[in-house]
């Protein structure tokens, strides 16, 4: 349920009910990781 090197904190997230704020925050983090790194540049070439 948790990733390598993870902590018990993630286990609670796996079993809790749907948290809209956490969902939006997670989604925003995924987008920011792309726009703020070289992955975004790789993405441009892949999209083409």
ModelCIF file with pLDDT and N, C-alpha, C, O atoms, coordinates in Angstrom:
data_MODEL
#
_entry.id   MODEL 
#
_entity.id                         1 
_entity.type                       polymer 
_entity.pdbx_number_of_molecules   1 
#
_entity_poly.entity_id                      1 
_entity_poly.type                           'polypeptide(L)' 
_entity_poly.nstd_linkage                   no 
_entity_poly.nstd_monomer                   no 
_entity_poly.pdbx_seq_one_letter_code       
;(UNK)(UNK)(UNK)(UNK)(UNK)(UNK)(UNK)(UNK)(UNK)(UNK)(UNK)(UNK)(UNK)(UNK)(UNK)(UNK)
(UNK)(UNK)(UNK)(UNK)(UNK)(UNK)(UNK)(UNK)(UNK)(UNK)(UNK)(UNK)(UNK)(UNK)(UNK)(UNK)
(UNK)(UNK)(UNK)(UNK)(UNK)(UNK)(UNK)(UNK)(UNK)(UNK)(UNK)(UNK)(UNK)(UNK)(UNK)(UNK)
;
_entity_poly.pdbx_seq_one_letter_code_can   XXXXXXXXXXXXXXXXXXXXXXXXXXXXXXXXXXXXXXXXXXXXXXXX 
_entity_poly.pdbx_strand_id                 A 
#
loop_
_entity_poly_seq.entity_id 
_entity_poly_seq.num 
_entity_poly_seq.mon_id 
_entity_poly_seq.hetero 
1 1  UNK n 
1 2  UNK n 
1 3  UNK n 
1 4  UNK n 
1 5  UNK n 
1 6  UNK n 
1 7  UNK n 
1 8  UNK n 
1 9  UNK n 
1 10 UNK n 
1 11 UNK n 
1 12 UNK n 
1 13 UNK n 
1 14 UNK n 
1 15 UNK n 
1 16 UNK n 
1 17 UNK n 
1 18 UNK n 
1 19 UNK n 
1 20 UNK n 
1 21 UNK n 
1 22 UNK n 
1 23 UNK n 
1 24 UNK n 
1 25 UNK n 
1 26 UNK n 
1 27 UNK n 
1 28 UNK n 
1 29 UNK n 
1 30 UNK n 
1 31 UNK n 
1 32 UNK n 
1 33 UNK n 
1 34 UNK n 
1 35 UNK n 
1 36 UNK n 
1 37 UNK n 
1 38 UNK n 
1 39 UNK n 
1 40 UNK n 
1 41 UNK n 
1 42 UNK n 
1 43 UNK n 
1 44 UNK n 
1 45 UNK n 
1 46 UNK n 
1 47 UNK n 
1 48 UNK n 
#
_struct_asym.id          A 
_struct_asym.entity_id   1 
#
loop_
_ma_qa_metric.id 
_ma_qa_metric.mode 
_ma_qa_metric.name 
_ma_qa_metric.software_group_id 
_ma_qa_metric.type 
1 global pLDDT . pLDDT 
2 local  pLDDT . pLDDT 
#
_ma_qa_metric_global.metric_id      1 
_ma_qa_metric_global.metric_value   61.50 
_ma_qa_metric_global.model_id       1 
_ma_qa_metric_global.ordinal_id     1 
#
loop_
_ma_qa_metric_local.label_asym_id 
_ma_qa_metric_local.label_comp_id 
_ma_qa_metric_local.label_seq_id 
_ma_qa_metric_local.metric_id 
_ma_qa_metric_local.metric_value 
_ma_qa_metric_local.model_id 
_ma_qa_metric_local.ordinal_id 
A UNK 1  2 63.00 1 1  
A UNK 2  2 53.00 1 2  
A UNK 3  2 44.00 1 3  
A UNK 4  2 42.00 1 4  
A UNK 5  2 40.00 1 5  
A UNK 6  2 42.00 1 6  
A UNK 7  2 40.00 1 7  
A UNK 8  2 39.00 1 8  
A UNK 9  2 39.00 1 9  
A UNK 10 2 43.00 1 10 
A UNK 11 2 44.00 1 11 
A UNK 12 2 42.00 1 12 
A UNK 13 2 44.00 1 13 
A UNK 14 2 44.00 1 14 
A UNK 15 2 42.00 1 15 
A UNK 16 2 47.00 1 16 
A UNK 17 2 51.00 1 17 
A UNK 18 2 51.00 1 18 
A UNK 19 2 56.00 1 19 
A UNK 20 2 63.00 1 20 
A UNK 21 2 68.00 1 21 
A UNK 22 2 65.00 1 22 
A UNK 23 2 60.00 1 23 
A UNK 24 2 67.00 1 24 
A UNK 25 2 69.00 1 25 
A UNK 26 2 64.00 1 26 
A UNK 27 2 64.00 1 27 
A UNK 28 2 71.00 1 28 
A UNK 29 2 68.00 1 29 
A UNK 30 2 68.00 1 30 
A UNK 31 2 71.00 1 31 
A UNK 32 2 70.00 1 32 
A UNK 33 2 69.00 1 33 
A UNK 34 2 68.00 1 34 
A UNK 35 2 69.00 1 35 
A UNK 36 2 65.00 1 36 
A UNK 37 2 72.00 1 37 
A UNK 38 2 78.00 1 38 
A UNK 39 2 77.00 1 39 
A UNK 40 2 77.00 1 40 
A UNK 41 2 82.00 1 41 
A UNK 42 2 80.00 1 42 
A UNK 43 2 78.00 1 43 
A UNK 44 2 80.00 1 44 
A UNK 45 2 81.00 1 45 
A UNK 46 2 78.00 1 46 
A UNK 47 2 81.00 1 47 
A UNK 48 2 83.00 1 48 
#
loop_
_atom_site.group_PDB 
_atom_site.id 
_atom_site.type_symbol 
_atom_site.label_atom_id 
_atom_site.label_alt_id 
_atom_site.label_comp_id 
_atom_site.label_asym_id 
_atom_site.label_entity_id 
_atom_site.label_seq_id 
_atom_site.pdbx_PDB_ins_code 
_atom_site.Cartn_x 
_atom_site.Cartn_y 
_atom_site.Cartn_z 
_atom_site.occupancy 
_atom_site.B_iso_or_equiv 
_atom_site.pdbx_formal_charge 
_atom_site.auth_seq_id 
_atom_site.auth_comp_id 
_atom_site.auth_asym_id 
_atom_site.auth_atom_id 
_atom_site.pdbx_PDB_model_num 
ATOM 1   N N  . UNK A 1 1  ? 0.815   -1.211 0.000   1.00 63.00 ? 1  UNK A N  1 
ATOM 2   C CA . UNK A 1 1  ? 0.000   0.000  0.000   1.00 63.00 ? 1  UNK A CA 1 
ATOM 3   C C  . UNK A 1 1  ? 0.847   1.259  0.000   1.00 63.00 ? 1  UNK A C  1 
ATOM 4   O O  . UNK A 1 1  ? 0.394   2.315  -0.443  1.00 63.00 ? 1  UNK A O  1 
ATOM 5   N N  . UNK A 1 2  ? 2.069   1.154  0.492   1.00 53.00 ? 2  UNK A N  1 
ATOM 6   C CA . UNK A 1 2  ? 2.976   2.301  0.492   1.00 53.00 ? 2  UNK A CA 1 
ATOM 7   C C  . UNK A 1 2  ? 4.144   2.004  -0.415  1.00 53.00 ? 2  UNK A C  1 
ATOM 8   O O  . UNK A 1 2  ? 4.471   0.842  -0.658  1.00 53.00 ? 2  UNK A O  1 
ATOM 9   N N  . UNK A 1 3  ? 4.789   3.074  -0.929  1.00 44.00 ? 3  UNK A N  1 
ATOM 10  C CA . UNK A 1 3  ? 5.918   2.910  -1.843  1.00 44.00 ? 3  UNK A CA 1 
ATOM 11  C C  . UNK A 1 3  ? 7.188   2.618  -1.087  1.00 44.00 ? 3  UNK A C  1 
ATOM 12  O O  . UNK A 1 3  ? 7.218   2.672  0.143   1.00 44.00 ? 3  UNK A O  1 
ATOM 13  N N  . UNK A 1 4  ? 8.241   2.308  -1.823  1.00 42.00 ? 4  UNK A N  1 
ATOM 14  C CA . UNK A 1 4  ? 9.530   2.017  -1.216  1.00 42.00 ? 4  UNK A CA 1 
ATOM 15  C C  . UNK A 1 4  ? 9.968   3.156  -0.332  1.00 42.00 ? 4  UNK A C  1 
ATOM 16  O O  . UNK A 1 4  ? 9.934   4.328  -0.707  1.00 42.00 ? 4  UNK A O  1 
ATOM 17  N N  . UNK A 1 5  ? 10.381  2.766  0.855   1.00 40.00 ? 5  UNK A N  1 
ATOM 18  C CA . UNK A 1 5  ? 10.904  3.767  1.756   1.00 40.00 ? 5  UNK A CA 1 
ATOM 19  C C  . UNK A 1 5  ? 9.828   4.639  2.341   1.00 40.00 ? 5  UNK A C  1 
ATOM 20  O O  . UNK A 1 5  ? 10.137  5.647  2.977   1.00 40.00 ? 5  UNK A O  1 
ATOM 21  N N  . UNK A 1 6  ? 8.558   4.285  2.148   1.00 42.00 ? 6  UNK A N  1 
ATOM 22  C CA . UNK A 1 6  ? 7.467   5.104  2.651   1.00 42.00 ? 6  UNK A CA 1 
ATOM 23  C C  . UNK A 1 6  ? 7.303   4.930  4.140   1.00 42.00 ? 6  UNK A C  1 
ATOM 24  O O  . UNK A 1 6  ? 7.972   4.100  4.756   1.00 42.00 ? 6  UNK A O  1 
ATOM 25  N N  . UNK A 1 7  ? 6.417   5.710  4.717   1.00 40.00 ? 7  UNK A N  1 
ATOM 26  C CA . UNK A 1 7  ? 6.140   5.660  6.133   1.00 40.00 ? 7  UNK A CA 1 
ATOM 27  C C  . UNK A 1 7  ? 4.706   5.269  6.356   1.00 40.00 ? 7  UNK A C  1 
ATOM 28  O O  . UNK A 1 7  ? 3.922   5.182  5.411   1.00 40.00 ? 7  UNK A O  1 
ATOM 29  N N  . UNK A 1 8  ? 4.356   5.033  7.607   1.00 39.00 ? 8  UNK A N  1 
ATOM 30  C CA . UNK A 1 8  ? 3.001   4.660  7.951   1.00 39.00 ? 8  UNK A CA 1 
ATOM 31  C C  . UNK A 1 8  ? 2.001   5.738  7.671   1.00 39.00 ? 8  UNK A C  1 
ATOM 32  O O  . UNK A 1 8  ? 0.802   5.460  7.644   1.00 39.00 ? 8  UNK A O  1 
ATOM 33  N N  . UNK A 1 9  ? 2.437   6.962  7.460   1.00 39.00 ? 9  UNK A N  1 
ATOM 34  C CA . UNK A 1 9  ? 1.503   8.051  7.218   1.00 39.00 ? 9  UNK A CA 1 
ATOM 35  C C  . UNK A 1 9  ? 0.695   7.814  5.947   1.00 39.00 ? 9  UNK A C  1 
ATOM 36  O O  . UNK A 1 9  ? -0.477  8.186  5.884   1.00 39.00 ? 9  UNK A O  1 
ATOM 37  N N  . UNK A 1 10 ? 1.295   7.211  4.952   1.00 43.00 ? 10 UNK A N  1 
ATOM 38  C CA . UNK A 1 10 ? 0.593   6.990  3.698   1.00 43.00 ? 10 UNK A CA 1 
ATOM 39  C C  . UNK A 1 10 ? -0.505  5.956  3.835   1.00 43.00 ? 10 UNK A C  1 
ATOM 40  O O  . UNK A 1 10 ? -1.480  5.991  3.085   1.00 43.00 ? 10 UNK A O  1 
ATOM 41  N N  . UNK A 1 11 ? -0.363  5.007  4.809   1.00 44.00 ? 11 UNK A N  1 
ATOM 42  C CA . UNK A 1 11 ? -1.363  3.974  4.983   1.00 44.00 ? 11 UNK A CA 1 
ATOM 43  C C  . UNK A 1 11 ? -2.708  4.562  5.335   1.00 44.00 ? 11 UNK A C  1 
ATOM 44  O O  . UNK A 1 11 ? -3.741  4.068  4.884   1.00 44.00 ? 11 UNK A O  1 
ATOM 45  N N  . UNK A 1 12 ? -2.708  5.603  6.131   1.00 42.00 ? 12 UNK A N  1 
ATOM 46  C CA . UNK A 1 12 ? -3.970  6.213  6.503   1.00 42.00 ? 12 UNK A CA 1 
ATOM 47  C C  . UNK A 1 12 ? -4.640  6.838  5.304   1.00 42.00 ? 12 UNK A C  1 
ATOM 48  O O  . UNK A 1 12 ? -5.866  6.817  5.190   1.00 42.00 ? 12 UNK A O  1 
ATOM 49  N N  . UNK A 1 13 ? -3.840  7.399  4.402   1.00 44.00 ? 13 UNK A N  1 
ATOM 50  C CA . UNK A 1 13 ? -4.405  8.003  3.196   1.00 44.00 ? 13 UNK A CA 1 
ATOM 51  C C  . UNK A 1 13 ? -5.059  6.964  2.301   1.00 44.00 ? 13 UNK A C  1 
ATOM 52  O O  . UNK A 1 13 ? -6.009  7.254  1.573   1.00 44.00 ? 13 UNK A O  1 
ATOM 53  N N  . UNK A 1 14 ? -4.519  5.715  2.371   1.00 44.00 ? 14 UNK A N  1 
ATOM 54  C CA . UNK A 1 14 ? -5.055  4.670  1.521   1.00 44.00 ? 14 UNK A CA 1 
ATOM 55  C C  . UNK A 1 14 ? -6.451  4.259  1.965   1.00 44.00 ? 14 UNK A C  1 
ATOM 56  O O  . UNK A 1 14 ? -7.253  3.828  1.137   1.00 44.00 ? 14 UNK A O  1 
ATOM 57  N N  . UNK A 1 15 ? -6.761  4.383  3.255   1.00 42.00 ? 15 UNK A N  1 
ATOM 58  C CA . UNK A 1 15 ? -8.002  3.851  3.773   1.00 42.00 ? 15 UNK A CA 1 
ATOM 59  C C  . UNK A 1 15 ? -9.014  4.915  4.131   1.00 42.00 ? 15 UNK A C  1 
ATOM 60  O O  . UNK A 1 15 ? -10.181 4.589  4.350   1.00 42.00 ? 15 UNK A O  1 
ATOM 61  N N  . UNK A 1 16 ? -8.619  6.163  4.198   1.00 47.00 ? 16 UNK A N  1 
ATOM 62  C CA . UNK A 1 16 ? -9.552  7.225  4.517   1.00 47.00 ? 16 UNK A CA 1 
ATOM 63  C C  . UNK A 1 16 ? -10.534 7.444  3.376   1.00 47.00 ? 16 UNK A C  1 
ATOM 64  O O  . UNK A 1 16 ? -10.307 6.994  2.253   1.00 47.00 ? 16 UNK A O  1 
ATOM 65  N N  . UNK A 1 17 ? -11.636 8.145  3.673   1.00 51.00 ? 17 UNK A N  1 
ATOM 66  C CA . UNK A 1 17 ? -12.590 8.492  2.636   1.00 51.00 ? 17 UNK A CA 1 
ATOM 67  C C  . UNK A 1 17 ? -12.004 9.519  1.693   1.00 51.00 ? 17 UNK A C  1 
ATOM 68  O O  . UNK A 1 17 ? -10.915 10.047 1.917   1.00 51.00 ? 17 UNK A O  1 
ATOM 69  N N  . UNK A 1 18 ? -12.747 9.791  0.636   1.00 51.00 ? 18 UNK A N  1 
ATOM 70  C CA . UNK A 1 18 ? -12.265 10.714 -0.393  1.00 51.00 ? 18 UNK A CA 1 
ATOM 71  C C  . UNK A 1 18 ? -12.093 12.119 0.182   1.00 51.00 ? 18 UNK A C  1 
ATOM 72  O O  . UNK A 1 18 ? -13.013 12.670 0.785   1.00 51.00 ? 18 UNK A O  1 
ATOM 73  N N  . UNK A 1 19 ? -10.924 12.680 -0.009  1.00 56.00 ? 19 UNK A N  1 
ATOM 74  C CA . UNK A 1 19 ? -10.599 14.022 0.479   1.00 56.00 ? 19 UNK A CA 1 
ATOM 75  C C  . UNK A 1 19 ? -10.439 14.919 -0.743  1.00 56.00 ? 19 UNK A C  1 
ATOM 76  O O  . UNK A 1 19 ? -9.435  14.839 -1.450  1.00 56.00 ? 19 UNK A O  1 
ATOM 77  N N  . UNK A 1 20 ? -11.440 15.781 -0.991  1.00 63.00 ? 20 UNK A N  1 
ATOM 78  C CA . UNK A 1 20 ? -11.410 16.599 -2.198  1.00 63.00 ? 20 UNK A CA 1 
ATOM 79  C C  . UNK A 1 20 ? -10.218 17.537 -2.218  1.00 63.00 ? 20 UNK A C  1 
ATOM 80  O O  . UNK A 1 20 ? -9.571  17.693 -3.254  1.00 63.00 ? 20 UNK A O  1 
ATOM 81  N N  . UNK A 1 21 ? -9.916  18.170 -1.075  1.00 68.00 ? 21 UNK A N  1 
ATOM 82  C CA . UNK A 1 21 ? -8.786  19.106 -1.036  1.00 68.00 ? 21 UNK A CA 1 
ATOM 83  C C  . UNK A 1 21 ? -7.472  18.398 -1.317  1.00 68.00 ? 21 UNK A C  1 
ATOM 84  O O  . UNK A 1 21 ? -6.621  18.911 -2.043  1.00 68.00 ? 21 UNK A O  1 
ATOM 85  N N  . UNK A 1 22 ? -7.313  17.199 -0.729  1.00 65.00 ? 22 UNK A N  1 
ATOM 86  C CA . UNK A 1 22 ? -6.084  16.439 -0.967  1.00 65.00 ? 22 UNK A CA 1 
ATOM 87  C C  . UNK A 1 22 ? -6.001  16.009 -2.426  1.00 65.00 ? 22 UNK A C  1 
ATOM 88  O O  . UNK A 1 22 ? -4.920  16.001 -3.015  1.00 65.00 ? 22 UNK A O  1 
ATOM 89  N N  . UNK A 1 23 ? -7.142  15.651 -3.005  1.00 60.00 ? 23 UNK A N  1 
ATOM 90  C CA . UNK A 1 23 ? -7.186  15.235 -4.409  1.00 60.00 ? 23 UNK A CA 1 
ATOM 91  C C  . UNK A 1 23 ? -6.730  16.379 -5.315  1.00 60.00 ? 23 UNK A C  1 
ATOM 92  O O  . UNK A 1 23 ? -5.907  16.179 -6.208  1.00 60.00 ? 23 UNK A O  1 
ATOM 93  N N  . UNK A 1 24 ? -7.275  17.590 -5.079  1.00 67.00 ? 24 UNK A N  1 
ATOM 94  C CA . UNK A 1 24 ? -6.907  18.746 -5.897  1.00 67.00 ? 24 UNK A CA 1 
ATOM 95  C C  . UNK A 1 24 ? -5.433  19.076 -5.708  1.00 67.00 ? 24 UNK A C  1 
ATOM 96  O O  . UNK A 1 24 ? -4.741  19.404 -6.671  1.00 67.00 ? 24 UNK A O  1 
ATOM 97  N N  . UNK A 1 25 ? -4.950  18.989 -4.470  1.00 69.00 ? 25 UNK A N  1 
ATOM 98  C CA . UNK A 1 25 ? -3.549  19.279 -4.192  1.00 69.00 ? 25 UNK A CA 1 
ATOM 99  C C  . UNK A 1 25 ? -2.634  18.284 -4.912  1.00 69.00 ? 25 UNK A C  1 
ATOM 100 O O  . UNK A 1 25 ? -1.625  18.671 -5.502  1.00 69.00 ? 25 UNK A O  1 
ATOM 101 N N  . UNK A 1 26 ? -2.999  16.996 -4.857  1.00 64.00 ? 26 UNK A N  1 
ATOM 102 C CA . UNK A 1 26 ? -2.206  15.972 -5.533  1.00 64.00 ? 26 UNK A CA 1 
ATOM 103 C C  . UNK A 1 26 ? -2.170  16.209 -7.044  1.00 64.00 ? 26 UNK A C  1 
ATOM 104 O O  . UNK A 1 26 ? -1.129  16.064 -7.685  1.00 64.00 ? 26 UNK A O  1 
ATOM 105 N N  . UNK A 1 27 ? -3.320  16.575 -7.594  1.00 64.00 ? 27 UNK A N  1 
ATOM 106 C CA . UNK A 1 27 ? -3.413  16.829 -9.031  1.00 64.00 ? 27 UNK A CA 1 
ATOM 107 C C  . UNK A 1 27 ? -2.538  18.008 -9.426  1.00 64.00 ? 27 UNK A C  1 
ATOM 108 O O  . UNK A 1 27 ? -1.842  17.960 -10.440 1.00 64.00 ? 27 UNK A O  1 
ATOM 109 N N  . UNK A 1 28 ? -2.576  19.061 -8.628  1.00 71.00 ? 28 UNK A N  1 
ATOM 110 C CA . UNK A 1 28 ? -1.778  20.246 -8.906  1.00 71.00 ? 28 UNK A CA 1 
ATOM 111 C C  . UNK A 1 28 ? -0.283  19.912 -8.834  1.00 71.00 ? 28 UNK A C  1 
ATOM 112 O O  . UNK A 1 28 ? 0.503   20.406 -9.643  1.00 71.00 ? 28 UNK A O  1 
ATOM 113 N N  . UNK A 1 29 ? 0.106   19.080 -7.872  1.00 68.00 ? 29 UNK A N  1 
ATOM 114 C CA . UNK A 1 29 ? 1.512   18.708 -7.738  1.00 68.00 ? 29 UNK A CA 1 
ATOM 115 C C  . UNK A 1 29 ? 2.005   17.948 -8.965  1.00 68.00 ? 29 UNK A C  1 
ATOM 116 O O  . UNK A 1 29 ? 3.135   18.140 -9.412  1.00 68.00 ? 29 UNK A O  1 
ATOM 117 N N  . UNK A 1 30 ? 1.133   17.072 -9.511  1.00 68.00 ? 30 UNK A N  1 
ATOM 118 C CA . UNK A 1 30 ? 1.525   16.330 -10.699 1.00 68.00 ? 30 UNK A CA 1 
ATOM 119 C C  . UNK A 1 30 ? 1.787   17.251 -11.875 1.00 68.00 ? 30 UNK A C  1 
ATOM 120 O O  . UNK A 1 30 ? 2.744   17.057 -12.624 1.00 68.00 ? 30 UNK A O  1 
ATOM 121 N N  . UNK A 1 31 ? 0.926   18.265 -12.038 1.00 71.00 ? 31 UNK A N  1 
ATOM 122 C CA . UNK A 1 31 ? 1.099   19.227 -13.132 1.00 71.00 ? 31 UNK A CA 1 
ATOM 123 C C  . UNK A 1 31 ? 2.348   20.073 -12.917 1.00 71.00 ? 31 UNK A C  1 
ATOM 124 O O  . UNK A 1 31 ? 3.105   20.316 -13.856 1.00 71.00 ? 31 UNK A O  1 
ATOM 125 N N  . UNK A 1 32 ? 2.562   20.521 -11.680 1.00 70.00 ? 32 UNK A N  1 
ATOM 126 C CA . UNK A 1 32 ? 3.712   21.375 -11.388 1.00 70.00 ? 32 UNK A CA 1 
ATOM 127 C C  . UNK A 1 32 ? 5.025   20.645 -11.575 1.00 70.00 ? 32 UNK A C  1 
ATOM 128 O O  . UNK A 1 32 ? 6.022   21.250 -11.968 1.00 70.00 ? 32 UNK A O  1 
ATOM 129 N N  . UNK A 1 33 ? 5.038   19.336 -11.293 1.00 69.00 ? 33 UNK A N  1 
ATOM 130 C CA . UNK A 1 33 ? 6.271   18.573 -11.476 1.00 69.00 ? 33 UNK A CA 1 
ATOM 131 C C  . UNK A 1 33 ? 6.672   18.512 -12.942 1.00 69.00 ? 33 UNK A C  1 
ATOM 132 O O  . UNK A 1 33 ? 7.857   18.441 -13.265 1.00 69.00 ? 33 UNK A O  1 
ATOM 133 N N  . UNK A 1 34 ? 5.690   18.539 -13.821 1.00 68.00 ? 34 UNK A N  1 
ATOM 134 C CA . UNK A 1 34 ? 5.983   18.520 -15.246 1.00 68.00 ? 34 UNK A CA 1 
ATOM 135 C C  . UNK A 1 34 ? 6.413   19.888 -15.753 1.00 68.00 ? 34 UNK A C  1 
ATOM 136 O O  . UNK A 1 34 ? 7.414   20.016 -16.458 1.00 68.00 ? 34 UNK A O  1 
ATOM 137 N N  . UNK A 1 35 ? 5.646   20.908 -15.385 1.00 69.00 ? 35 UNK A N  1 
ATOM 138 C CA . UNK A 1 35 ? 5.946   22.245 -15.893 1.00 69.00 ? 35 UNK A CA 1 
ATOM 139 C C  . UNK A 1 35 ? 7.225   22.812 -15.299 1.00 69.00 ? 35 UNK A C  1 
ATOM 140 O O  . UNK A 1 35 ? 7.823   23.724 -15.870 1.00 69.00 ? 35 UNK A O  1 
ATOM 141 N N  . UNK A 1 36 ? 7.649   22.283 -14.157 1.00 65.00 ? 36 UNK A N  1 
ATOM 142 C CA . UNK A 1 36 ? 8.815   22.840 -13.492 1.00 65.00 ? 36 UNK A CA 1 
ATOM 143 C C  . UNK A 1 36 ? 10.084  22.039 -13.664 1.00 65.00 ? 36 UNK A C  1 
ATOM 144 O O  . UNK A 1 36 ? 11.072  22.297 -12.976 1.00 65.00 ? 36 UNK A O  1 
ATOM 145 N N  . UNK A 1 37 ? 10.083  21.068 -14.573 1.00 72.00 ? 37 UNK A N  1 
ATOM 146 C CA . UNK A 1 37 ? 11.280  20.249 -14.752 1.00 72.00 ? 37 UNK A CA 1 
ATOM 147 C C  . UNK A 1 37 ? 11.494  19.944 -16.231 1.00 72.00 ? 37 UNK A C  1 
ATOM 148 O O  . UNK A 1 37 ? 10.694  20.324 -17.086 1.00 72.00 ? 37 UNK A O  1 
ATOM 149 N N  . UNK A 1 38 ? 12.603  19.244 -16.509 1.00 78.00 ? 38 UNK A N  1 
ATOM 150 C CA . UNK A 1 38 ? 12.924  18.879 -17.889 1.00 78.00 ? 38 UNK A CA 1 
ATOM 151 C C  . UNK A 1 38 ? 11.903  17.896 -18.463 1.00 78.00 ? 38 UNK A C  1 
ATOM 152 O O  . UNK A 1 38 ? 11.826  17.715 -19.678 1.00 78.00 ? 38 UNK A O  1 
ATOM 153 N N  . UNK A 1 39 ? 11.119  17.262 -17.583 1.00 77.00 ? 39 UNK A N  1 
ATOM 154 C CA . UNK A 1 39 ? 10.073  16.359 -18.066 1.00 77.00 ? 39 UNK A CA 1 
ATOM 155 C C  . UNK A 1 39 ? 9.092   17.091 -18.975 1.00 77.00 ? 39 UNK A C  1 
ATOM 156 O O  . UNK A 1 39 ? 8.572   16.510 -19.928 1.00 77.00 ? 39 UNK A O  1 
ATOM 157 N N  . UNK A 1 40 ? 8.843   18.357 -18.685 1.00 77.00 ? 40 UNK A N  1 
ATOM 158 C CA . UNK A 1 40 ? 7.945   19.139 -19.518 1.00 77.00 ? 40 UNK A CA 1 
ATOM 159 C C  . UNK A 1 40 ? 8.483   19.302 -20.927 1.00 77.00 ? 40 UNK A C  1 
ATOM 160 O O  . UNK A 1 40 ? 7.720   19.264 -21.892 1.00 77.00 ? 40 UNK A O  1 
ATOM 161 N N  . UNK A 1 41 ? 9.807   19.486 -21.054 1.00 82.00 ? 41 UNK A N  1 
ATOM 162 C CA . UNK A 1 41 ? 10.417  19.611 -22.375 1.00 82.00 ? 41 UNK A CA 1 
ATOM 163 C C  . UNK A 1 41 ? 10.361  18.286 -23.134 1.00 82.00 ? 41 UNK A C  1 
ATOM 164 O O  . UNK A 1 41 ? 10.143  18.261 -24.345 1.00 82.00 ? 41 UNK A O  1 
ATOM 165 N N  . UNK A 1 42 ? 10.560  17.186 -22.404 1.00 80.00 ? 42 UNK A N  1 
ATOM 166 C CA . UNK A 1 42 ? 10.433  15.872 -23.029 1.00 80.00 ? 42 UNK A CA 1 
ATOM 167 C C  . UNK A 1 42 ? 9.016   15.671 -23.533 1.00 80.00 ? 42 UNK A C  1 
ATOM 168 O O  . UNK A 1 42 ? 8.791   15.103 -24.602 1.00 80.00 ? 42 UNK A O  1 
ATOM 169 N N  . UNK A 1 43 ? 8.063   16.149 -22.741 1.00 78.00 ? 43 UNK A N  1 
ATOM 170 C CA . UNK A 1 43 ? 6.660   15.976 -23.099 1.00 78.00 ? 43 UNK A CA 1 
ATOM 171 C C  . UNK A 1 43 ? 6.325   16.662 -24.421 1.00 78.00 ? 43 UNK A C  1 
ATOM 172 O O  . UNK A 1 43 ? 5.561   16.122 -25.222 1.00 78.00 ? 43 UNK A O  1 
ATOM 173 N N  . UNK A 1 44 ? 6.888   17.846 -24.656 1.00 80.00 ? 44 UNK A N  1 
ATOM 174 C CA . UNK A 1 44 ? 6.611   18.579 -25.894 1.00 80.00 ? 44 UNK A CA 1 
ATOM 175 C C  . UNK A 1 44 ? 6.991   17.741 -27.118 1.00 80.00 ? 44 UNK A C  1 
ATOM 176 O O  . UNK A 1 44 ? 6.222   17.633 -28.073 1.00 80.00 ? 44 UNK A O  1 
ATOM 177 N N  . UNK A 1 45 ? 8.186   17.153 -27.074 1.00 81.00 ? 45 UNK A N  1 
ATOM 178 C CA . UNK A 1 45 ? 8.626   16.323 -28.189 1.00 81.00 ? 45 UNK A CA 1 
ATOM 179 C C  . UNK A 1 45 ? 7.758   15.096 -28.357 1.00 81.00 ? 45 UNK A C  1 
ATOM 180 O O  . UNK A 1 45 ? 7.434   14.712 -29.481 1.00 81.00 ? 45 UNK A O  1 
ATOM 181 N N  . UNK A 1 46 ? 7.377   14.473 -27.251 1.00 78.00 ? 46 UNK A N  1 
ATOM 182 C CA . UNK A 1 46 ? 6.541   13.280 -27.315 1.00 78.00 ? 46 UNK A CA 1 
ATOM 183 C C  . UNK A 1 46 ? 5.157   13.597 -27.878 1.00 78.00 ? 46 UNK A C  1 
ATOM 184 O O  . UNK A 1 46 ? 4.588   12.806 -28.630 1.00 78.00 ? 46 UNK A O  1 
ATOM 185 N N  . UNK A 1 47 ? 4.624   14.756 -27.506 1.00 81.00 ? 47 UNK A N  1 
ATOM 186 C CA . UNK A 1 47 ? 3.303   15.138 -28.000 1.00 81.00 ? 47 UNK A CA 1 
ATOM 187 C C  . UNK A 1 47 ? 3.310   15.308 -29.519 1.00 81.00 ? 47 UNK A C  1 
ATOM 188 O O  . UNK A 1 47 ? 2.373   14.899 -30.205 1.00 81.00 ? 47 UNK A O  1 
ATOM 189 N N  . UNK A 1 48 ? 4.366   15.910 -30.025 1.00 83.00 ? 48 UNK A N  1 
ATOM 190 C CA . UNK A 1 48 ? 4.472   16.107 -31.471 1.00 83.00 ? 48 UNK A CA 1 
ATOM 191 C C  . UNK A 1 48 ? 4.530   14.762 -32.195 1.00 83.00 ? 48 UNK A C  1 
ATOM 192 O O  . UNK A 1 48 ? 4.620   14.724 -33.422 1.00 83.00 ? 48 UNK A O  1 
#
